Amino acid sequence: MIINVTVKHGSGKPEKNGDAITIHTDEPMKNNRANHDVIKQIAAYYNVEARNVRIIRGARRRNKLIEVNGL
């Protein structure tokens, strides 16, 4: 399953917006910490392991294309 994800700074729960999901993170972009937090939140949202979540496009952008396997 491939989903569009928008990442925003701050705290909050993941929000479903049609086909897209908005994720909030307080982690800094340094050392990929924000991306790891996004992957962790997506894995928890879909109830899969984090190793089944992969960023396909947009690793350095707010808008990301993420693949979730194991659904």
PDB file of N, CA and C in Angstrom:
ATOM      1  N   MET A   1       0.847  -1.169   0.000  1.00  0.00           N
ATOM      2  CA  MET A   1       0.000   0.000   0.000  1.00  0.00           C
ATOM      3  C   MET A   1       0.894   1.234   0.000  1.00  0.00           C
ATOM      4  N   ILE A   2       0.603   2.179  -0.875  1.00  0.00           N
ATOM      5  CA  ILE A   2       1.379   3.411  -0.971  1.00  0.00           C
ATOM      6  C   ILE A   2       0.501   4.571  -0.536  1.00  0.00           C
ATOM      7  N   ILE A   3       1.016   5.414   0.369  1.00  0.00           N
ATOM      8  CA  ILE A   3       0.244   6.542   0.894  1.00  0.00           C
ATOM      9  C   ILE A   3       1.048   7.833   0.798  1.00  0.00           C
ATOM     10  N   ASN A   4       0.337   8.940   0.715  1.00  0.00           N
ATOM     11  CA  ASN A   4       0.947  10.268   0.769  1.00  0.00           C
ATOM     12  C   ASN A   4       0.936  10.733   2.213  1.00  0.00           C
ATOM     13  N   VAL A   5       2.067  11.254   2.664  1.00  0.00           N
ATOM     14  CA  VAL A   5       2.195  11.713   4.047  1.00  0.00           C
ATOM     15  C   VAL A   5       2.698  13.151   4.041  1.00  0.00           C
ATOM     16  N   THR A   6       2.058  13.993   4.828  1.00  0.00           N
ATOM     17  CA  THR A   6       2.520  15.353   5.052  1.00  0.00           C
ATOM     18  C   THR A   6       3.022  15.430   6.486  1.00  0.00           C
ATOM     19  N   VAL A   7       4.231  15.953   6.651  1.00  0.00           N
ATOM     20  CA  VAL A   7       4.844  16.035   7.976  1.00  0.00           C
ATOM     21  C   VAL A   7       4.797  17.482   8.445  1.00  0.00           C
ATOM     22  N   LYS A   8       4.313  17.685   9.666  1.00  0.00           N
ATOM     23  CA  LYS A   8       4.264  19.011  10.274  1.00  0.00           C
ATOM     24  C   LYS A   8       5.004  18.978  11.599  1.00  0.00           C
ATOM     25  N   HIS A   9       5.603  20.112  11.941  1.00  0.00           N
ATOM     26  CA  HIS A   9       6.333  20.218  13.206  1.00  0.00           C
ATOM     27  C   HIS A   9       5.339  20.436  14.339  1.00  0.00           C
ATOM     28  N   GLY A  10       5.566  19.788  15.448  1.00  0.00           N
ATOM     29  CA  GLY A  10       4.704  19.923  16.615  1.00  0.00           C
ATOM     30  C   GLY A  10       4.245  18.564  17.086  1.00  0.00           C
ATOM     31  N   SER A  11       3.391  18.569  18.068  1.00  0.00           N
ATOM     32  CA  SER A  11       2.892  17.310  18.604  1.00  0.00           C
ATOM     33  C   SER A  11       1.431  17.137  18.217  1.00  0.00           C
ATOM     34  N   GLY A  12       1.000  15.922  18.188  1.00  0.00           N
ATOM     35  CA  GLY A  12      -0.379  15.616  17.842  1.00  0.00           C
ATOM     36  C   GLY A  12      -0.489  14.212  17.288  1.00  0.00           C
ATOM     37  N   LYS A  13      -1.713  13.784  17.076  1.00  0.00           N
ATOM     38  CA  LYS A  13      -1.975  12.452  16.557  1.00  0.00           C
ATOM     39  C   LYS A  13      -2.014  12.498  15.032  1.00  0.00           C
ATOM     40  N   PRO A  14      -1.750  11.357  14.387  1.00  0.00           N
ATOM     41  CA  PRO A  14      -1.887  11.304  12.929  1.00  0.00           C
ATOM     42  C   PRO A  14      -3.328  11.591  12.512  1.00  0.00           C
ATOM     43  N   GLU A  15      -3.488  12.373  11.453  1.00  0.00           N
ATOM     44  CA  GLU A  15      -4.815  12.743  10.955  1.00  0.00           C
ATOM     45  C   GLU A  15      -4.981  12.228   9.541  1.00  0.00           C
ATOM     46  N   LYS A  16      -6.093  11.564   9.272  1.00  0.00           N
ATOM     47  CA  LYS A  16      -6.387  11.055   7.934  1.00  0.00           C
ATOM     48  C   LYS A  16      -7.124  12.132   7.153  1.00  0.00           C
ATOM     49  N   ASN A  17      -6.600  12.467   5.964  1.00  0.00           N
ATOM     50  CA  ASN A  17      -7.199  13.472   5.089  1.00  0.00           C
ATOM     51  C   ASN A  17      -7.446  12.847   3.727  1.00  0.00           C
ATOM     52  N   GLY A  18      -8.554  12.145   3.566  1.00  0.00           N
ATOM     53  CA  GLY A  18      -8.810  11.458   2.307  1.00  0.00           C
ATOM     54  C   GLY A  18      -7.829  10.312   2.127  1.00  0.00           C
ATOM     55  N   ASP A  19      -7.003  10.392   1.081  1.00  0.00           N
ATOM     56  CA  ASP A  19      -5.998   9.361   0.832  1.00  0.00           C
ATOM     57  C   ASP A  19      -4.680   9.662   1.529  1.00  0.00           C
ATOM     58  N   ALA A  20      -4.524  10.840   2.079  1.00  0.00           N
ATOM     59  CA  ALA A  20      -3.264  11.261   2.701  1.00  0.00           C
ATOM     60  C   ALA A  20      -3.370  11.216   4.225  1.00  0.00           C
ATOM     61  N   ILE A  21      -2.214  11.230   4.862  1.00  0.00           N
ATOM     62  CA  ILE A  21      -2.139  11.271   6.328  1.00  0.00           C
ATOM     63  C   ILE A  21      -1.209  12.411   6.713  1.00  0.00           C
ATOM     64  N   THR A  22      -1.585  13.157   7.751  1.00  0.00           N
ATOM     65  CA  THR A  22      -0.740  14.211   8.295  1.00  0.00           C
ATOM     66  C   THR A  22      -0.132  13.708   9.598  1.00  0.00           C
ATOM     67  N   ILE A  23       1.194  13.766   9.677  1.00  0.00           N
ATOM     68  CA  ILE A  23       1.943  13.311  10.849  1.00  0.00           C
ATOM     69  C   ILE A  23       2.595  14.518  11.506  1.00  0.00           C
ATOM     70  N   HIS A  24       2.547  14.578  12.820  1.00  0.00           N
ATOM     71  CA  HIS A  24       3.200  15.644  13.579  1.00  0.00           C
ATOM     72  C   HIS A  24       4.405  15.049  14.306  1.00  0.00           C
ATOM     73  N   THR A  25       5.543  15.753  14.237  1.00  0.00           N
ATOM     74  CA  THR A  25       6.742  15.270  14.924  1.00  0.00           C
ATOM     75  C   THR A  25       7.495  16.436  15.559  1.00  0.00           C
ATOM     76  N   ASP A  26       8.070  16.189  16.716  1.00  0.00           N
ATOM     77  CA  ASP A  26       8.908  17.174  17.402  1.00  0.00           C
ATOM     78  C   ASP A  26      10.387  16.898  17.179  1.00  0.00           C
ATOM     79  N   GLU A  27      10.700  15.804  16.501  1.00  0.00           N
ATOM     80  CA  GLU A  27      12.093  15.417  16.279  1.00  0.00           C
ATOM     81  C   GLU A  27      12.757  16.361  15.276  1.00  0.00           C
ATOM     82  N   PRO A  28      14.042  16.643  15.455  1.00  0.00           N
ATOM     83  CA  PRO A  28      14.762  17.484  14.491  1.00  0.00           C
ATOM     84  C   PRO A  28      15.070  16.709  13.212  1.00  0.00           C
ATOM     85  N   MET A  29      15.283  17.445  12.128  1.00  0.00           N
ATOM     86  CA  MET A  29      15.607  16.809  10.850  1.00  0.00           C
ATOM     87  C   MET A  29      17.018  16.236  10.845  1.00  0.00           C
ATOM     88  N   LYS A  30      17.843  16.677  11.760  1.00  0.00           N
ATOM     89  CA  LYS A  30      19.235  16.248  11.821  1.00  0.00           C
ATOM     90  C   LYS A  30      19.344  14.740  12.058  1.00  0.00           C
ATOM     91  N   ASN A  31      20.269  14.104  11.351  1.00  0.00           N
ATOM     92  CA  ASN A  31      20.549  12.669  11.482  1.00  0.00           C
ATOM     93  C   ASN A  31      19.332  11.788  11.207  1.00  0.00           C
ATOM     94  N   ASN A  32      18.407  12.276  10.379  1.00  0.00           N
ATOM     95  CA  ASN A  32      17.231  11.499   9.969  1.00  0.00           C
ATOM     96  C   ASN A  32      16.283  11.154  11.113  1.00  0.00           C
ATOM     97  N   ARG A  33      16.369  11.871  12.212  1.00  0.00           N
ATOM     98  CA  ARG A  33      15.528  11.553  13.367  1.00  0.00           C
ATOM     99  C   ARG A  33      14.052  11.785  13.075  1.00  0.00           C
ATOM    100  N   ALA A  34      13.731  12.818  12.302  1.00  0.00           N
ATOM    101  CA  ALA A  34      12.331  13.090  11.962  1.00  0.00           C
ATOM    102  C   ALA A  34      11.765  11.969  11.085  1.00  0.00           C
ATOM    103  N   ASN A  35      12.548  11.497  10.120  1.00  0.00           N
ATOM    104  CA  ASN A  35      12.079  10.406   9.262  1.00  0.00           C
ATOM    105  C   ASN A  35      11.863   9.123  10.054  1.00  0.00           C
ATOM    106  N   HIS A  36      12.748   8.827  10.993  1.00  0.00           N
ATOM    107  CA  HIS A  36      12.569   7.640  11.826  1.00  0.00           C
ATOM    108  C   HIS A  36      11.306   7.755  12.678  1.00  0.00           C
ATOM    109  N   ASP A  37      11.020   8.947  13.165  1.00  0.00           N
ATOM    110  CA  ASP A  37       9.800   9.149  13.946  1.00  0.00           C
ATOM    111  C   ASP A  37       8.564   8.986  13.068  1.00  0.00           C
ATOM    112  N   VAL A  38       8.609   9.494  11.843  1.00  0.00           N
ATOM    113  CA  VAL A  38       7.491   9.340  10.914  1.00  0.00           C
ATOM    114  C   VAL A  38       7.246   7.863  10.627  1.00  0.00           C
ATOM    115  N   ILE A  39       8.308   7.118  10.378  1.00  0.00           N
ATOM    116  CA  ILE A  39       8.169   5.682  10.109  1.00  0.00           C
ATOM    117  C   ILE A  39       7.562   4.963  11.311  1.00  0.00           C
ATOM    118  N   LYS A  40       8.006   5.331  12.512  1.00  0.00           N
ATOM    119  CA  LYS A  40       7.477   4.726  13.735  1.00  0.00           C
ATOM    120  C   LYS A  40       5.982   5.018  13.902  1.00  0.00           C
ATOM    121  N   GLN A  41       5.586   6.263  13.630  1.00  0.00           N
ATOM    122  CA  GLN A  41       4.178   6.637  13.776  1.00  0.00           C
ATOM    123  C   GLN A  41       3.296   5.960  12.735  1.00  0.00           C
ATOM    124  N   ILE A  42       3.777   5.861  11.495  1.00  0.00           N
ATOM    125  CA  ILE A  42       3.010   5.182  10.447  1.00  0.00           C
ATOM    126  C   ILE A  42       2.855   3.702  10.785  1.00  0.00           C
ATOM    127  N   ALA A  43       3.928   3.079  11.286  1.00  0.00           N
ATOM    128  CA  ALA A  43       3.866   1.669  11.668  1.00  0.00           C
ATOM    129  C   ALA A  43       2.843   1.458  12.789  1.00  0.00           C
ATOM    130  N   ALA A  44       2.821   2.356  13.756  1.00  0.00           N
ATOM    131  CA  ALA A  44       1.848   2.238  14.854  1.00  0.00           C
ATOM    132  C   ALA A  44       0.423   2.488  14.349  1.00  0.00           C
ATOM    133  N   TYR A  45       0.260   3.419  13.429  1.00  0.00           N
ATOM    134  CA  TYR A  45      -1.066   3.756  12.884  1.00  0.00           C
ATOM    135  C   TYR A  45      -1.668   2.564  12.142  1.00  0.00           C
ATOM    136  N   TYR A  46      -0.853   1.867  11.353  1.00  0.00           N
ATOM    137  CA  TYR A  46      -1.332   0.721  10.586  1.00  0.00           C
ATOM    138  C   TYR A  46      -1.105  -0.614  11.299  1.00  0.00           C
ATOM    139  N   ASN A  47      -0.553  -0.582  12.505  1.00  0.00           N
ATOM    140  CA  ASN A  47      -0.340  -1.771  13.317  1.00  0.00           C
ATOM    141  C   ASN A  47       0.545  -2.802  12.604  1.00  0.00           C
ATOM    142  N   VAL A  48       1.666  -2.324  12.053  1.00  0.00           N
ATOM    143  CA  VAL A  48       2.673  -3.186  11.435  1.00  0.00           C
ATOM    144  C   VAL A  48       4.017  -2.862  12.067  1.00  0.00           C
ATOM    145  N   GLU A  49       5.015  -3.679  11.793  1.00  0.00           N
ATOM    146  CA  GLU A  49       6.350  -3.410  12.305  1.00  0.00           C
ATOM    147  C   GLU A  49       7.007  -2.307  11.484  1.00  0.00           C
ATOM    148  N   ALA A  50       7.918  -1.573  12.102  1.00  0.00           N
ATOM    149  CA  ALA A  50       8.577  -0.450  11.438  1.00  0.00           C
ATOM    150  C   ALA A  50       9.394  -0.896  10.232  1.00  0.00           C
ATOM    151  N   ARG A  51       9.868  -2.116  10.223  1.00  0.00           N
ATOM    152  CA  ARG A  51      10.652  -2.590   9.078  1.00  0.00           C
ATOM    153  C   ARG A  51       9.790  -2.772   7.831  1.00  0.00           C
ATOM    154  N   ASN A  52       8.468  -2.771   7.974  1.00  0.00           N
ATOM    155  CA  ASN A  52       7.554  -2.891   6.847  1.00  0.00           C
ATOM    156  C   ASN A  52       7.156  -1.538   6.266  1.00  0.00           C
ATOM    157  N   VAL A  53       7.722  -0.457   6.783  1.00  0.00           N
ATOM    158  CA  VAL A  53       7.419   0.894   6.310  1.00  0.00           C
ATOM    159  C   VAL A  53       8.675   1.462   5.664  1.00  0.00           C
ATOM    160  N   ARG A  54       8.503   2.042   4.451  1.00  0.00           N
ATOM    161  CA  ARG A  54       9.661   2.536   3.704  1.00  0.00           C
ATOM    162  C   ARG A  54       9.298   3.840   3.013  1.00  0.00           C
ATOM    163  N   ILE A  55      10.197   4.816   3.090  1.00  0.00           N
ATOM    164  CA  ILE A  55      10.003   6.085   2.387  1.00  0.00           C
ATOM    165  C   ILE A  55      10.474   5.893   0.955  1.00  0.00           C
ATOM    166  N   ILE A  56       9.560   6.047   0.006  1.00  0.00           N
ATOM    167  CA  ILE A  56       9.887   5.883  -1.403  1.00  0.00           C
ATOM    168  C   ILE A  56      10.404   7.185  -1.992  1.00  0.00           C
ATOM    169  N   ARG A  57       9.730   8.283  -1.685  1.00  0.00           N
ATOM    170  CA  ARG A  57      10.101   9.575  -2.242  1.00  0.00           C
ATOM    171  C   ARG A  57       9.869  10.652  -1.184  1.00  0.00           C
ATOM    172  N   GLY A  58      10.752  11.653  -1.155  1.00  0.00           N
ATOM    173  CA  GLY A  58      10.566  12.800  -0.280  1.00  0.00           C
ATOM    174  C   GLY A  58      11.257  12.702   1.059  1.00  0.00           C
ATOM    175  N   ALA A  59      12.377  12.022   1.126  1.00  0.00           N
ATOM    176  CA  ALA A  59      13.072  11.873   2.403  1.00  0.00           C
ATOM    177  C   ALA A  59      13.532  13.213   2.964  1.00  0.00           C
ATOM    178  N   ARG A  60      13.716  14.211   2.100  1.00  0.00           N
ATOM    179  CA  ARG A  60      14.162  15.526   2.551  1.00  0.00           C
ATOM    180  C   ARG A  60      13.074  16.575   2.420  1.00  0.00           C
ATOM    181  N   ARG A  61      11.849  16.152   2.252  1.00  0.00           N
ATOM    182  CA  ARG A  61      10.739  17.090   2.071  1.00  0.00           C
ATOM    183  C   ARG A  61       9.630  16.814   3.075  1.00  0.00           C
ATOM    184  N   ARG A  62       8.728  17.771   3.193  1.00  0.00           N
ATOM    185  CA  ARG A  62       7.578  17.596   4.087  1.00  0.00           C
ATOM    186  C   ARG A  62       6.554  16.620   3.521  1.00  0.00           C
ATOM    187  N   ASN A  63       6.424  16.598   2.202  1.00  0.00           N
ATOM    188  CA  ASN A  63       5.503  15.673   1.548  1.00  0.00           C
ATOM    189  C   ASN A  63       6.260  14.430   1.138  1.00  0.00           C
ATOM    190  N   LYS A  64       5.805  13.286   1.614  1.00  0.00           N
ATOM    191  CA  LYS A  64       6.506  12.030   1.388  1.00  0.00           C
ATOM    192  C   LYS A  64       5.560  11.011   0.761  1.00  0.00           C
ATOM    193  N   LEU A  65       6.144  10.098   0.029  1.00  0.00           N
ATOM    194  CA  LEU A  65       5.427   8.947  -0.505  1.00  0.00           C
ATOM    195  C   LEU A  65       5.963   7.730   0.238  1.00  0.00           C
ATOM    196  N   ILE A  66       5.097   7.042   0.963  1.00  0.00           N
ATOM    197  CA  ILE A  66       5.526   5.960   1.849  1.00  0.00           C
ATOM    198  C   ILE A  66       4.831   4.667   1.460  1.00  0.00           C
ATOM    199  N   GLU A  67       5.607   3.587   1.465  1.00  0.00           N
ATOM    200  CA  GLU A  67       5.078   2.262   1.183  1.00  0.00           C
ATOM    201  C   GLU A  67       4.953   1.489   2.492  1.00  0.00           C
ATOM    202  N   VAL A  68       3.784   0.870   2.687  1.00  0.00           N
ATOM    203  CA  VAL A  68       3.535   0.064   3.881  1.00  0.00           C
ATOM    204  C   VAL A  68       3.252  -1.362   3.427  1.00  0.00           C
ATOM    205  N   ASN A  69       4.071  -2.313   3.837  1.00  0.00           N
ATOM    206  CA  ASN A  69       3.875  -3.722   3.518  1.00  0.00           C
ATOM    207  C   ASN A  69       3.328  -4.456   4.738  1.00  0.00           C
ATOM    208  N   GLY A  70       2.728  -5.600   4.506  1.00  0.00           N
ATOM    209  CA  GLY A  70       2.266  -6.429   5.606  1.00  0.00           C
ATOM    210  C   GLY A  70       0.873  -6.102   6.102  1.00  0.00           C
ATOM    211  N   LEU A  71       0.074  -5.436   5.278  1.00  0.00           N
ATOM    212  CA  LEU A  71      -1.308  -5.149   5.708  1.00  0.00           C
ATOM    213  C   LEU A  71      -2.214  -6.285   5.364  1.00  0.00           C
TER     214      LEU A  71
END
